[in-house]
Amino acid sequence: MEQEKKSTRIESDLIGEREISNDNLYGVQTLRGVENFKISNFHLNDYPNFIKGLAMTKEAAAIANHKLGLLTDEQKDAIVEACHEVAAGKHDKDFPVDMIQGGAGTTTNMNANEVICNRALQIMGHNPGEFQYLSPNDHVNESQSTNDAYPTAIHLGLYATHLEFMPHLKDLIAALDKKASEMEDVLKMGRTQLQDAVPMTLGQTFHGFASILKDEVKNLEFAAEEFLTVNMGATAIGTGICAEPDYSKLCIEAMRMVTKWDIKLSADLVGATSDTSVMIGYSSAMKRLAVKVNKICNDIRLLSSGPRCGLGEFNIPAMQPGSSIMPGKVNPVIPEVMSQVCYKVMGNDLCVTMAGDASQMELNAMEPVMAQCCFESAHLLMNGFDTLRVRCIDGIVPNREACADYIKNSVGIVTALNPIIGYKNSTKIAKEAMATGKGVYELVLEHKILSKEDLDTILSPENMIKPVKLNIKPQR
């Protein structure tokens, strides 16, 4: 029977021979990885940008090796064409390995080598597994080791993910700014330590939410920029063994051409090969962002609490019934789910930190779980941002009467009087208001400390929400 008519093929590695379905472009080492690492529900084909990073890495290596005379024109062209198909997502099904794996990513690297090689063989007019014409190790992986190709692919994949990530964050910021503008005239009480503080507007609250997230844009951009520095040419431990002298330079040049990004070579390849701090830095930036988003979600839940017995300063959209037993109950499910996303990102960051701390000698074998956590955190945040924006922020409506009542009944407005009537008078009024239940406004007039005209001027919205200089003196 002709080879092309067979349903399976035999491939071999160090451990021995295995039968592979001809429907699969992956080979024996991928199969062993699938069998050995039945660990999680996170697989390489769940993260197409990682696969794209692997393809771009292998394409750049092939171009460099061709320039060095290590690959024929036919071999290079076939590898490049196969890499383009892989990067475009045409063969994602052939990347089934678990993201969490032993071997410092060797299974993932070989998965890419085998898929690209077998597809390139088809392009050359051969069958998968006919490695006498093109080999996954000798040609697709030429001048490389997992220890430079794998982290480089992670960097490229995470940078591509970062470019997708930022518009989702910026859309959320824009939604908060828009909502702030809509509510800039809604006066409310600010609170510190869950106690009445001083007046502000709902617009200021939401502008504050937007501003703390804007600060993270620059932080994330700075952290992501480090992904563009890679250790290609380090091979096994950073010494460049098995690579020719000009390989690193040619590979970086090719990678710039392939990615259209400003790729740079690490200054010290030995140091870079065991250093995973770039992932630690980006994970930390996502955690910092998650902490702020969670604060916003907590505030939204508190400020919209009710409907009758909570703060109820604004209403959030009702998305689904909130109880299986309490009729009419509606829960803040969208801020709740976003908070859970934030907790997951914070937990992932701890995992990344601990795995980064596990670097030993010339390599960190824990890179796979670091990569999985970083990709997962970015994807969770992107989905969470869109959900929070569309299903919550965009539909918020202020409760103007409730906000006005809080201002009217709050003892906190006495703070606005303090610069005019003095701390002693302010304390006296605040104490009496709390003891009698009377309002601050009423007591100031009752004690004839200020005229009604002056009091109205001091307590006007425009004078309570920003620094002002008033030429008003107390009557006594």
Protein backbone atom coordinates (compact mmCIF):
# COMPACT_ATOMS: atom_id res chain seq x y z
CA MET A 1 0.00 0.00 0.00
CA GLU A 2 1.28 3.46 -0.86
CA GLN A 3 2.29 5.71 2.06
CA GLU A 4 -0.20 8.41 1.12
CA LYS A 5 -3.06 5.90 1.34
CA LYS A 6 -2.24 4.75 4.85
CA SER A 7 -4.29 6.09 7.74
CA THR A 8 -1.31 6.06 10.11
CA ARG A 9 2.45 6.51 10.06
CA ILE A 10 5.25 5.45 12.37
CA GLU A 11 7.44 8.09 14.01
CA SER A 12 10.25 7.50 16.47
CA ASP A 13 12.15 9.45 19.11
CA LEU A 14 14.61 8.73 21.92
CA ILE A 15 12.02 6.67 23.80
CA GLY A 16 10.91 4.52 20.84
CA GLU A 17 8.36 4.27 18.03
CA ARG A 18 4.71 5.39 18.05
CA GLU A 19 1.90 5.15 15.55
CA ILE A 20 0.50 8.55 14.51
CA SER A 21 -2.73 9.22 12.62
CA ASN A 22 -2.09 10.82 9.25
CA ASP A 23 -4.93 13.19 10.09
CA ASN A 24 -2.57 14.83 12.57
CA LEU A 25 0.29 17.13 11.65
CA TYR A 26 1.82 16.77 15.09
CA GLY A 27 4.24 13.93 15.74
CA VAL A 28 5.59 11.54 18.31
CA GLN A 29 6.89 14.03 20.86
CA THR A 30 3.60 15.94 20.86
CA LEU A 31 1.74 12.66 21.38
CA ARG A 32 3.92 11.80 24.35
CA GLY A 33 3.30 15.26 25.80
CA VAL A 34 -0.48 14.86 25.44
CA GLU A 35 -0.28 11.51 27.23
CA ASN A 36 2.10 12.66 29.96
CA PHE A 37 0.51 16.00 30.83
CA LYS A 38 -3.19 15.48 31.43
CA ILE A 39 -3.09 18.28 33.95
CA SER A 40 -5.43 21.16 33.22
CA ASN A 41 -8.19 22.38 30.95
CA PHE A 42 -5.78 24.90 29.41
CA HIS A 43 -4.32 23.76 26.10
CA LEU A 44 -2.02 25.45 23.65
CA ASN A 45 -4.79 25.81 21.08
CA ASP A 46 -6.79 27.87 23.61
CA TYR A 47 -4.20 30.61 23.14
CA PRO A 48 -3.86 31.37 19.41
CA ASN A 49 -1.48 34.26 20.02
CA PHE A 50 0.97 31.84 21.64
CA ILE A 51 0.76 29.61 18.56
CA LYS A 52 1.28 32.72 16.44
CA GLY A 53 4.35 33.57 18.54
CA LEU A 54 5.75 30.09 17.91
CA ALA A 55 5.16 30.43 14.17
CA MET A 56 6.82 33.85 13.97
CA THR A 57 9.80 32.53 15.93
CA LYS A 58 10.24 29.53 13.66
CA GLU A 59 9.82 31.63 10.52
CA ALA A 60 12.52 34.07 11.62
CA ALA A 61 14.86 31.19 12.47
CA ALA A 62 14.31 29.61 9.05
CA ILE A 63 15.08 32.87 7.25
CA ALA A 64 18.29 33.29 9.26
CA ASN A 65 19.36 29.68 8.69
CA HIS A 66 18.71 30.05 4.98
CA LYS A 67 20.94 33.12 4.83
CA LEU A 68 23.65 31.09 6.54
CA GLY A 69 23.31 28.37 3.90
CA LEU A 70 21.87 25.85 6.36
CA LEU A 71 18.54 25.45 4.56
CA THR A 72 17.85 25.06 0.84
CA ASP A 73 15.54 27.48 -0.93
CA GLU A 74 12.87 24.79 -1.06
CA GLN A 75 13.15 23.98 2.64
CA LYS A 76 13.06 27.62 3.70
CA ASP A 77 10.13 28.48 1.46
CA ALA A 78 8.11 25.51 2.70
CA ILE A 79 8.83 26.28 6.35
CA VAL A 80 7.88 29.95 5.86
CA GLU A 81 4.63 29.04 4.10
CA ALA A 82 3.77 26.55 6.84
CA CYS A 83 4.52 29.17 9.49
CA HIS A 84 2.18 31.63 7.78
CA GLU A 85 -0.60 29.04 7.89
CA VAL A 86 0.06 28.27 11.55
CA ALA A 87 0.15 31.96 12.47
CA ALA A 88 -3.17 32.44 10.66
CA GLY A 89 -4.77 29.78 12.88
CA LYS A 90 -5.26 27.19 10.14
CA HIS A 91 -3.77 24.35 12.19
CA ASP A 92 -4.79 25.17 15.75
CA LYS A 93 -6.32 21.72 16.22
CA ASP A 94 -2.85 20.24 15.90
CA PHE A 95 -1.65 22.05 19.06
CA PRO A 96 -3.36 19.91 21.75
CA VAL A 97 -0.66 19.93 24.44
CA ASP A 98 -1.43 21.07 27.98
CA MET A 99 -0.10 24.55 28.76
CA ILE A 100 1.15 23.27 32.12
CA GLN A 101 3.91 20.76 31.46
CA GLY A 102 7.28 19.58 32.64
CA GLY A 103 10.40 20.02 30.55
CA ALA A 104 10.54 23.83 30.48
CA GLY A 105 8.35 23.96 27.38
CA THR A 106 10.06 21.26 25.29
CA THR A 107 6.72 19.63 24.48
CA THR A 108 5.33 22.91 23.18
CA ASN A 109 8.45 23.67 21.16
CA MET A 110 8.39 20.21 19.60
CA ASN A 111 4.66 20.49 18.92
CA ALA A 112 5.45 23.57 16.82
CA ASN A 113 8.45 21.92 15.16
CA GLU A 114 6.45 18.82 14.21
CA VAL A 115 3.37 20.65 12.90
CA ILE A 116 5.44 23.11 10.87
CA CYS A 117 7.70 20.34 9.55
CA ASN A 118 4.90 17.98 8.53
CA ARG A 119 2.92 20.76 6.87
CA ALA A 120 6.07 21.96 5.11
CA LEU A 121 6.66 18.39 3.88
CA GLN A 122 3.18 18.42 2.34
CA ILE A 123 3.94 21.75 0.68
CA MET A 124 7.13 20.19 -0.73
CA GLY A 125 5.12 17.29 -2.15
CA HIS A 126 6.01 14.71 0.50
CA ASN A 127 4.11 12.95 3.25
CA PRO A 128 4.16 13.79 6.97
CA GLY A 129 6.89 11.83 8.68
CA GLU A 130 9.23 11.69 5.66
CA PHE A 131 11.90 13.46 7.64
CA GLN A 132 14.71 12.60 5.23
CA TYR A 133 13.51 15.62 3.26
CA LEU A 134 12.86 17.95 6.18
CA SER A 135 13.27 17.26 9.89
CA PRO A 136 11.52 18.88 12.87
CA ASN A 137 14.77 18.83 14.87
CA ASP A 138 17.47 19.26 12.25
CA HIS A 139 15.75 21.89 10.11
CA VAL A 140 12.72 23.55 11.76
CA ASN A 141 14.56 23.68 15.10
CA GLU A 142 17.95 24.36 13.54
CA SER A 143 20.24 26.72 15.53
CA GLN A 144 17.67 26.70 18.34
CA SER A 145 16.87 25.16 21.67
CA THR A 146 13.59 25.13 23.51
CA ASN A 147 15.37 27.45 25.94
CA ASP A 148 15.51 30.32 23.47
CA ALA A 149 12.69 29.52 21.03
CA TYR A 150 10.06 28.88 23.72
CA PRO A 151 10.54 32.08 25.79
CA THR A 152 10.83 34.09 22.58
CA ALA A 153 7.49 32.70 21.40
CA ILE A 154 5.96 33.54 24.79
CA HIS A 155 7.23 37.12 24.49
CA LEU A 156 5.85 37.53 20.99
CA GLY A 157 2.54 35.89 21.88
CA LEU A 158 2.08 38.02 24.99
CA TYR A 159 2.99 41.20 23.12
CA ALA A 160 0.36 40.37 20.49
CA THR A 161 -2.10 39.77 23.33
CA HIS A 162 -1.15 43.10 24.91
CA LEU A 163 -1.95 44.90 21.66
CA GLU A 164 -5.40 43.28 21.73
CA PHE A 165 -5.80 43.98 25.45
CA MET A 166 -5.33 47.74 25.46
CA PRO A 167 -8.42 48.72 23.40
CA HIS A 168 -10.64 46.83 25.85
CA LEU A 169 -9.16 48.79 28.76
CA LYS A 170 -9.40 52.09 26.92
CA ASP A 171 -13.05 51.41 26.03
CA LEU A 172 -13.82 50.85 29.72
CA ILE A 173 -12.07 54.09 30.65
CA ALA A 174 -14.01 55.97 27.98
CA ALA A 175 -17.30 54.54 29.30
CA LEU A 176 -16.47 55.72 32.83
CA ASP A 177 -15.56 59.18 31.54
CA LYS A 178 -18.79 59.36 29.55
CA LYS A 179 -20.87 58.39 32.55
CA ALA A 180 -18.99 60.96 34.66
CA SER A 181 -19.87 63.71 32.20
CA GLU A 182 -23.53 62.66 32.31
CA MET A 183 -23.59 62.96 36.12
CA GLU A 184 -21.31 65.94 36.69
CA ASP A 185 -24.16 68.01 38.19
CA VAL A 186 -25.43 65.34 40.63
CA LEU A 187 -24.34 66.45 44.10
CA LYS A 188 -23.83 63.66 46.64
CA MET A 189 -22.03 62.95 49.90
CA GLY A 190 -18.51 61.62 49.77
CA ARG A 191 -17.52 59.05 52.35
CA THR A 192 -14.31 58.02 54.06
CA GLN A 193 -14.03 54.88 56.19
CA LEU A 194 -17.71 54.26 55.35
CA GLN A 195 -18.66 57.44 57.25
CA ASP A 196 -20.05 60.72 55.90
CA ALA A 197 -17.28 63.01 54.69
CA VAL A 198 -17.89 66.05 52.48
CA PRO A 199 -19.97 66.75 49.37
CA MET A 200 -18.87 65.93 45.85
CA THR A 201 -20.62 64.95 42.62
CA LEU A 202 -21.32 61.58 41.09
CA GLY A 203 -19.41 62.92 38.11
CA GLN A 204 -16.33 63.34 40.29
CA THR A 205 -16.76 59.78 41.57
CA PHE A 206 -16.77 58.34 38.06
CA HIS A 207 -14.02 60.65 36.79
CA GLY A 208 -12.01 59.32 39.71
CA PHE A 209 -12.69 55.75 38.57
CA ALA A 210 -11.55 56.61 35.05
CA SER A 211 -8.44 58.46 36.19
CA ILE A 212 -7.03 55.64 38.30
CA LEU A 213 -7.37 53.29 35.33
CA LYS A 214 -5.76 55.81 32.95
CA ASP A 215 -2.66 55.67 35.15
CA GLU A 216 -2.35 51.97 34.35
CA VAL A 217 -2.18 52.47 30.58
CA LYS A 218 1.36 53.80 30.76
CA ASN A 219 2.33 51.15 33.31
CA LEU A 220 1.12 48.32 31.08
CA GLU A 221 2.76 49.80 27.98
CA PHE A 222 6.07 50.01 29.83
CA ALA A 223 5.82 46.40 31.04
CA ALA A 224 4.82 45.12 27.58
CA GLU A 225 7.72 46.88 25.87
CA GLU A 226 10.09 44.42 27.55
CA PHE A 227 8.49 41.54 25.61
CA LEU A 228 10.25 42.89 22.53
CA THR A 229 13.65 41.89 23.93
CA VAL A 230 14.36 38.19 23.26
CA ASN A 231 17.16 35.68 23.71
CA MET A 232 17.21 34.04 20.26
CA GLY A 233 20.62 32.53 19.65
CA ALA A 234 21.11 31.62 23.30
CA THR A 235 20.33 27.98 22.41
CA ALA A 236 20.66 25.70 25.46
CA ILE A 237 22.02 27.94 28.23
CA GLY A 238 22.96 31.22 26.59
CA THR A 239 26.36 30.32 25.18
CA GLY A 240 25.03 29.91 21.64
CA ILE A 241 26.28 26.36 21.22
CA CYS A 242 25.08 24.74 17.94
CA ALA A 243 24.45 28.15 16.34
CA GLU A 244 26.75 29.95 13.90
CA PRO A 245 28.33 33.31 14.89
CA ASP A 246 26.00 35.49 12.79
CA TYR A 247 22.83 33.58 13.61
CA SER A 248 21.52 35.83 16.43
CA LYS A 249 21.98 38.98 14.39
CA LEU A 250 20.30 37.51 11.31
CA CYS A 251 17.48 35.99 13.35
CA ILE A 252 16.66 39.28 15.08
CA GLU A 253 16.68 41.07 11.72
CA ALA A 254 14.31 38.44 10.33
CA MET A 255 12.08 38.65 13.39
CA ARG A 256 11.73 42.41 12.96
CA MET A 257 10.68 41.83 9.38
CA VAL A 258 8.24 39.04 10.27
CA THR A 259 6.58 40.82 13.22
CA LYS A 260 6.94 44.47 12.14
CA TRP A 261 7.93 45.13 15.77
CA ASP A 262 11.14 46.62 17.15
CA ILE A 263 12.63 43.34 18.35
CA LYS A 264 15.94 43.55 20.23
CA LEU A 265 18.46 40.94 21.32
CA SER A 266 19.09 40.52 25.05
CA ALA A 267 22.39 42.08 26.12
CA ASP A 268 23.51 38.94 27.96
CA LEU A 269 22.07 35.68 26.66
CA VAL A 270 23.19 33.61 29.65
CA GLY A 271 21.42 35.92 32.06
CA ALA A 272 18.36 36.27 29.86
CA THR A 273 17.87 32.51 29.42
CA SER A 274 17.16 31.94 33.11
CA ASP A 275 15.42 35.27 33.72
CA THR A 276 11.62 35.33 33.55
CA SER A 277 11.18 38.77 35.11
CA VAL A 278 9.48 40.16 31.99
CA MET A 279 6.48 37.90 32.62
CA ILE A 280 6.63 38.80 36.31
CA GLY A 281 6.53 42.49 35.40
CA TYR A 282 3.56 42.22 33.06
CA SER A 283 1.64 39.96 35.43
CA SER A 284 2.28 42.49 38.20
CA ALA A 285 0.96 45.30 35.99
CA MET A 286 -2.23 43.30 35.36
CA LYS A 287 -2.57 42.63 39.09
CA ARG A 288 -2.19 46.33 39.87
CA LEU A 289 -4.90 47.08 37.33
CA ALA A 290 -7.12 44.34 38.78
CA VAL A 291 -6.82 45.82 42.27
CA LYS A 292 -8.13 49.14 40.96
CA VAL A 293 -10.94 47.61 38.92
CA ASN A 294 -12.02 45.61 41.96
CA LYS A 295 -12.15 48.80 44.03
CA ILE A 296 -14.43 50.33 41.39
CA CYS A 297 -16.69 47.26 41.41
CA ASN A 298 -16.92 47.29 45.20
CA ASP A 299 -17.89 50.97 45.14
CA ILE A 300 -20.49 50.37 42.44
CA ARG A 301 -22.06 47.60 44.53
CA LEU A 302 -22.14 49.75 47.67
CA LEU A 303 -23.36 52.94 46.03
CA SER A 304 -26.11 51.13 44.11
CA SER A 305 -27.22 49.00 47.08
CA GLY A 306 -30.90 48.83 47.90
CA PRO A 307 -33.36 49.25 46.42
CA ARG A 308 -35.06 50.50 49.61
CA CYS A 309 -32.59 49.88 52.43
CA GLY A 310 -29.23 50.58 50.84
CA LEU A 311 -27.39 53.68 49.67
CA GLY A 312 -29.09 53.73 46.29
CA GLU A 313 -27.22 56.72 44.85
CA PHE A 314 -27.63 55.26 41.40
CA ASN A 315 -29.22 52.23 39.73
CA ILE A 316 -27.32 49.66 37.71
CA PRO A 317 -29.05 47.63 34.99
CA ALA A 318 -31.07 44.66 36.21
CA MET A 319 -29.57 41.70 34.39
CA GLN A 320 -31.28 38.65 35.91
CA PRO A 321 -33.40 37.51 38.88
CA GLY A 322 -31.30 37.48 42.02
CA SER A 323 -32.78 34.73 44.12
CA SER A 324 -34.46 31.35 43.89
CA ILE A 325 -36.50 32.13 47.01
CA MET A 326 -36.80 35.93 47.36
CA PRO A 327 -39.22 37.35 44.78
CA GLY A 328 -38.21 40.64 43.21
CA LYS A 329 -34.58 40.45 44.30
CA VAL A 330 -32.01 41.62 41.73
CA ASN A 331 -28.30 41.25 42.44
CA PRO A 332 -25.32 43.26 41.09
CA VAL A 333 -24.10 40.23 39.15
CA ILE A 334 -21.87 42.11 36.71
CA PRO A 335 -19.68 43.91 39.28
CA GLU A 336 -19.62 40.63 41.20
CA VAL A 337 -18.27 38.62 38.29
CA MET A 338 -15.72 41.33 37.48
CA SER A 339 -14.47 41.17 41.06
CA GLN A 340 -14.01 37.42 40.70
CA VAL A 341 -12.00 38.00 37.54
CA CYS A 342 -9.82 40.39 39.52
CA TYR A 343 -9.26 37.83 42.28
CA LYS A 344 -8.22 35.27 39.66
CA VAL A 345 -5.73 37.72 38.17
CA MET A 346 -4.32 38.43 41.64
CA GLY A 347 -3.98 34.69 42.26
CA ASN A 348 -2.33 34.16 38.89
CA ASP A 349 0.17 36.88 39.73
CA LEU A 350 1.14 35.05 42.92
CA CYS A 351 1.67 31.88 40.84
CA VAL A 352 3.81 33.81 38.34
CA THR A 353 5.87 35.30 41.17
CA MET A 354 6.48 31.94 42.83
CA ALA A 355 7.33 30.24 39.53
CA GLY A 356 9.65 33.10 38.62
CA ASP A 357 11.38 32.60 41.95
CA ALA A 358 12.04 28.96 41.01
CA SER A 359 14.74 29.75 38.45
CA GLN A 360 17.78 27.53 39.00
CA MET A 361 21.21 27.78 37.44
CA GLU A 362 20.85 28.51 33.70
CA LEU A 363 17.10 27.93 33.24
CA ASN A 364 13.69 28.36 34.80
CA ALA A 365 11.80 25.12 34.22
CA MET A 366 8.55 26.66 35.50
CA GLU A 367 8.00 28.94 32.51
CA PRO A 368 4.96 26.97 31.24
CA VAL A 369 2.73 27.83 34.19
CA MET A 370 3.94 31.44 34.08
CA ALA A 371 2.92 31.71 30.45
CA GLN A 372 -0.46 30.09 31.09
CA CYS A 373 -1.21 32.49 33.93
CA CYS A 374 -0.25 35.57 31.92
CA PHE A 375 -2.31 34.59 28.89
CA GLU A 376 -5.27 33.62 31.07
CA SER A 377 -5.19 36.85 33.09
CA ALA A 378 -5.15 38.98 29.95
CA HIS A 379 -8.06 37.07 28.41
CA LEU A 380 -10.11 37.18 31.63
CA LEU A 381 -9.60 40.93 31.96
CA MET A 382 -10.51 41.62 28.33
CA ASN A 383 -13.76 39.67 28.65
CA GLY A 384 -14.45 41.20 32.05
CA PHE A 385 -13.88 44.77 30.86
CA ASP A 386 -16.32 44.36 27.99
CA THR A 387 -18.93 42.75 30.23
CA LEU A 388 -18.59 45.44 32.91
CA ARG A 389 -18.79 48.23 30.35
CA VAL A 390 -21.70 46.99 28.24
CA ARG A 391 -23.81 45.30 30.93
CA CYS A 392 -23.26 47.70 33.79
CA ILE A 393 -21.45 51.03 33.32
CA ASP A 394 -23.28 52.11 30.17
CA GLY A 395 -26.68 51.62 31.84
CA ILE A 396 -26.10 53.39 35.17
CA VAL A 397 -28.78 55.97 36.06
CA PRO A 398 -28.39 58.40 38.99
CA ASN A 399 -30.96 58.68 41.79
CA ARG A 400 -30.90 62.45 42.11
CA GLU A 401 -33.45 62.69 44.94
CA ALA A 402 -31.62 60.15 47.10
CA CYS A 403 -28.31 61.97 46.60
CA ALA A 404 -29.94 65.32 47.47
CA ASP A 405 -31.50 63.86 50.64
CA TYR A 406 -28.12 62.57 51.81
CA ILE A 407 -26.64 66.04 51.39
CA LYS A 408 -29.53 67.69 53.20
CA ASN A 409 -29.45 65.31 56.17
CA SER A 410 -25.70 64.87 56.51
CA VAL A 411 -23.71 66.31 59.37
CA GLY A 412 -20.72 66.17 57.03
CA ILE A 413 -21.59 69.47 55.35
CA VAL A 414 -20.43 71.22 58.51
CA THR A 415 -16.89 70.71 57.18
CA ALA A 416 -17.64 73.25 54.47
CA LEU A 417 -18.46 75.77 57.20
CA ASN A 418 -15.31 75.13 59.21
CA PRO A 419 -13.06 77.72 57.45
CA ILE A 420 -15.75 80.39 58.00
CA ILE A 421 -17.18 79.74 61.47
CA GLY A 422 -14.17 77.99 63.01
CA TYR A 423 -13.57 74.52 64.36
CA LYS A 424 -15.18 75.18 67.76
CA ASN A 425 -18.46 76.40 66.29
CA SER A 426 -18.42 73.59 63.70
CA THR A 427 -17.93 70.95 66.39
CA LYS A 428 -20.75 72.43 68.47
CA ILE A 429 -23.14 72.38 65.50
CA ALA A 430 -22.13 68.82 64.50
CA LYS A 431 -22.58 67.51 68.05
CA GLU A 432 -25.99 69.14 68.42
CA ALA A 433 -27.11 67.89 65.02
CA MET A 434 -26.25 64.31 65.94
CA ALA A 435 -27.91 64.62 69.35
CA THR A 436 -31.14 66.25 68.18
CA GLY A 437 -31.53 64.96 64.64
CA LYS A 438 -31.77 68.53 63.39
CA GLY A 439 -29.97 69.54 60.20
CA VAL A 440 -26.74 71.54 60.13
CA TYR A 441 -28.38 74.18 57.96
CA GLU A 442 -31.22 74.60 60.43
CA LEU A 443 -28.93 74.87 63.48
CA VAL A 444 -26.57 77.44 61.94
CA LEU A 445 -29.53 79.71 61.29
CA GLU A 446 -31.06 78.95 64.68
CA HIS A 447 -27.88 80.00 66.47
CA LYS A 448 -27.54 83.01 64.16
CA ILE A 449 -23.96 82.11 63.27
CA LEU A 450 -24.46 83.01 59.60
CA SER A 451 -27.09 84.75 57.55
CA LYS A 452 -29.22 82.63 55.25
CA GLU A 453 -27.66 84.36 52.24
CA ASP A 454 -24.11 83.61 53.36
CA LEU A 455 -25.00 80.05 54.34
CA ASP A 456 -26.56 79.39 50.93
CA THR A 457 -23.44 80.76 49.25
CA ILE A 458 -21.12 78.52 51.26
CA LEU A 459 -23.28 75.44 50.72
CA SER A 460 -23.91 76.00 47.01
CA PRO A 461 -22.81 73.01 44.93
CA GLU A 462 -20.17 74.94 43.00
CA ASN A 463 -18.49 76.02 46.25
CA MET A 464 -18.47 72.62 47.92
CA ILE A 465 -16.77 70.49 45.26
CA LYS A 466 -13.57 72.46 44.64
CA PRO A 467 -11.18 74.86 46.41
CA VAL A 468 -12.72 78.36 46.81
CA LYS A 469 -11.95 81.61 48.62
CA LEU A 470 -15.03 83.23 50.19
CA ASN A 471 -15.02 86.61 51.90
CA ILE A 472 -17.68 85.69 54.48
CA LYS A 473 -17.45 86.33 58.21
CA PRO A 474 -19.58 84.72 60.93
CA GLN A 475 -22.16 86.97 62.64
CA ARG A 476 -20.78 85.98 66.02
